[in-house]
Amino acid sequence: MDAKADHSAEAEGLRLVRAFLSLPPDKRAEVIAFIEELARAKRRPEEGADVSPG
C-alpha cells in the first residue's frame, strides 16, 4: 500500500471517529451494540458447517 492510500485510510478513520463521537450517547450505544452483534455473527460457524473439536 502506498503512502497516499495510507493517508486516505487514516483520514477516513478520523472522520468515522469524529462522526461517532458527535452522536448522542444513546445512538453511540446502538452503534456499539450493532458492531458487537456483527462480531458475534462473524465468530459463529456457518450453519451446517463442521466444527472441529477444540
N, C-alpha and C. Protein backbone atom coordinates (compact mmCIF):
# COMPACT_ATOMS: atom_id res chain seq x y z
N MET A 1 0.86 -1.18 0.00
CA MET A 1 0.00 0.00 0.00
C MET A 1 0.90 1.23 0.00
N ASP A 2 0.55 2.21 -0.81
CA ASP A 2 1.41 3.39 -0.88
C ASP A 2 1.03 4.42 0.19
N ALA A 3 1.87 5.43 0.33
CA ALA A 3 1.67 6.44 1.37
C ALA A 3 0.37 7.20 1.18
N LYS A 4 0.01 7.48 -0.06
CA LYS A 4 -1.24 8.22 -0.32
C LYS A 4 -2.44 7.42 0.16
N ALA A 5 -2.46 6.12 -0.09
CA ALA A 5 -3.55 5.27 0.36
C ALA A 5 -3.58 5.20 1.89
N ASP A 6 -2.40 5.15 2.52
CA ASP A 6 -2.34 5.14 3.97
C ASP A 6 -2.97 6.39 4.56
N HIS A 7 -2.64 7.56 3.97
CA HIS A 7 -3.19 8.82 4.46
C HIS A 7 -4.70 8.88 4.23
N SER A 8 -5.16 8.34 3.11
CA SER A 8 -6.58 8.33 2.81
C SER A 8 -7.34 7.47 3.82
N ALA A 9 -6.81 6.30 4.13
CA ALA A 9 -7.44 5.41 5.10
C ALA A 9 -7.42 6.05 6.49
N GLU A 10 -6.34 6.70 6.82
CA GLU A 10 -6.24 7.38 8.12
C GLU A 10 -7.26 8.50 8.21
N ALA A 11 -7.40 9.28 7.15
CA ALA A 11 -8.37 10.38 7.13
C ALA A 11 -9.79 9.84 7.27
N GLU A 12 -10.08 8.74 6.58
CA GLU A 12 -11.41 8.13 6.67
C GLU A 12 -11.68 7.64 8.09
N GLY A 13 -10.69 7.04 8.71
CA GLY A 13 -10.82 6.58 10.09
C GLY A 13 -11.11 7.73 11.05
N LEU A 14 -10.40 8.84 10.86
CA LEU A 14 -10.63 10.01 11.71
C LEU A 14 -12.03 10.57 11.51
N ARG A 15 -12.51 10.58 10.26
CA ARG A 15 -13.88 11.05 10.00
C ARG A 15 -14.91 10.16 10.70
N LEU A 16 -14.66 8.84 10.67
CA LEU A 16 -15.58 7.93 11.34
C LEU A 16 -15.58 8.13 12.86
N VAL A 17 -14.40 8.33 13.43
CA VAL A 17 -14.31 8.56 14.87
C VAL A 17 -15.02 9.85 15.25
N ARG A 18 -14.79 10.91 14.48
CA ARG A 18 -15.47 12.19 14.76
C ARG A 18 -16.98 12.05 14.66
N ALA A 19 -17.45 11.34 13.64
CA ALA A 19 -18.89 11.14 13.47
C ALA A 19 -19.46 10.36 14.66
N PHE A 20 -18.75 9.31 15.07
CA PHE A 20 -19.20 8.52 16.21
C PHE A 20 -19.28 9.37 17.47
N LEU A 21 -18.23 10.17 17.72
CA LEU A 21 -18.20 10.98 18.93
C LEU A 21 -19.24 12.10 18.93
N SER A 22 -19.69 12.49 17.74
CA SER A 22 -20.70 13.54 17.67
C SER A 22 -22.11 13.01 17.93
N LEU A 23 -22.26 11.69 17.97
CA LEU A 23 -23.57 11.09 18.23
C LEU A 23 -23.95 11.27 19.70
N PRO A 24 -25.26 11.37 19.97
CA PRO A 24 -25.68 11.36 21.38
C PRO A 24 -25.40 10.00 22.00
N PRO A 25 -25.27 9.94 23.32
CA PRO A 25 -24.90 8.69 23.99
C PRO A 25 -25.79 7.50 23.64
N ASP A 26 -27.10 7.70 23.50
CA ASP A 26 -27.98 6.57 23.18
C ASP A 26 -27.71 6.02 21.79
N LYS A 27 -27.39 6.89 20.85
CA LYS A 27 -27.07 6.43 19.49
C LYS A 27 -25.71 5.74 19.46
N ARG A 28 -24.76 6.22 20.26
CA ARG A 28 -23.46 5.55 20.35
C ARG A 28 -23.64 4.13 20.86
N ALA A 29 -24.52 3.97 21.87
CA ALA A 29 -24.79 2.64 22.42
C ALA A 29 -25.38 1.73 21.34
N GLU A 30 -26.25 2.26 20.49
CA GLU A 30 -26.81 1.47 19.40
C GLU A 30 -25.72 1.03 18.42
N VAL A 31 -24.80 1.93 18.11
CA VAL A 31 -23.71 1.60 17.18
C VAL A 31 -22.84 0.51 17.79
N ILE A 32 -22.50 0.63 19.06
CA ILE A 32 -21.67 -0.36 19.72
C ILE A 32 -22.37 -1.72 19.74
N ALA A 33 -23.66 -1.73 20.05
CA ALA A 33 -24.41 -2.99 20.07
C ALA A 33 -24.43 -3.62 18.68
N PHE A 34 -24.58 -2.81 17.65
CA PHE A 34 -24.59 -3.30 16.28
C PHE A 34 -23.25 -3.94 15.91
N ILE A 35 -22.17 -3.27 16.25
CA ILE A 35 -20.83 -3.79 15.95
C ILE A 35 -20.56 -5.07 16.73
N GLU A 36 -20.98 -5.12 17.99
CA GLU A 36 -20.79 -6.33 18.78
C GLU A 36 -21.56 -7.49 18.17
N GLU A 37 -22.78 -7.25 17.67
CA GLU A 37 -23.56 -8.30 17.03
C GLU A 37 -22.87 -8.78 15.76
N LEU A 38 -22.32 -7.87 14.98
CA LEU A 38 -21.58 -8.26 13.78
C LEU A 38 -20.38 -9.14 14.14
N ALA A 39 -19.67 -8.77 15.20
CA ALA A 39 -18.51 -9.54 15.62
C ALA A 39 -18.93 -10.94 16.09
N ARG A 40 -20.04 -11.02 16.82
CA ARG A 40 -20.52 -12.34 17.26
C ARG A 40 -20.92 -13.19 16.06
N ALA A 41 -21.59 -12.59 15.10
CA ALA A 41 -22.03 -13.33 13.91
C ALA A 41 -20.82 -13.83 13.12
N LYS A 42 -19.78 -13.06 13.07
CA LYS A 42 -18.58 -13.46 12.33
C LYS A 42 -17.87 -14.63 13.02
N ARG A 43 -17.91 -14.67 14.35
CA ARG A 43 -17.26 -15.74 15.10
C ARG A 43 -18.04 -17.05 15.02
N ARG A 44 -19.36 -16.96 14.83
CA ARG A 44 -20.18 -18.18 14.76
C ARG A 44 -19.86 -18.96 13.50
N PRO A 45 -19.76 -20.28 13.62
CA PRO A 45 -19.54 -21.08 12.40
C PRO A 45 -20.79 -21.01 11.53
N GLU A 46 -20.60 -21.15 10.24
CA GLU A 46 -21.72 -21.17 9.32
C GLU A 46 -22.66 -22.31 9.70
N GLU A 47 -23.94 -22.08 9.56
CA GLU A 47 -24.90 -23.11 9.89
C GLU A 47 -24.66 -24.32 8.98
N GLY A 48 -24.59 -25.49 9.60
CA GLY A 48 -24.35 -26.70 8.83
C GLY A 48 -22.90 -27.01 8.60
N ALA A 49 -22.00 -26.11 8.95
CA ALA A 49 -20.57 -26.35 8.75
C ALA A 49 -20.05 -27.24 9.88
N ASP A 50 -19.09 -28.08 9.55
CA ASP A 50 -18.48 -28.94 10.56
C ASP A 50 -17.56 -28.09 11.45
N VAL A 51 -17.67 -28.33 12.74
CA VAL A 51 -16.81 -27.65 13.68
C VAL A 51 -15.87 -28.68 14.28
N SER A 52 -14.58 -28.44 14.14
CA SER A 52 -13.63 -29.39 14.68
C SER A 52 -13.50 -29.19 16.18
N PRO A 53 -13.39 -30.26 16.95
CA PRO A 53 -13.26 -30.13 18.41
C PRO A 53 -11.96 -29.42 18.78
N GLY A 54 -12.07 -28.57 19.82
CA GLY A 54 -11.00 -27.75 20.36
C GLY A 54 -9.68 -28.20 20.06
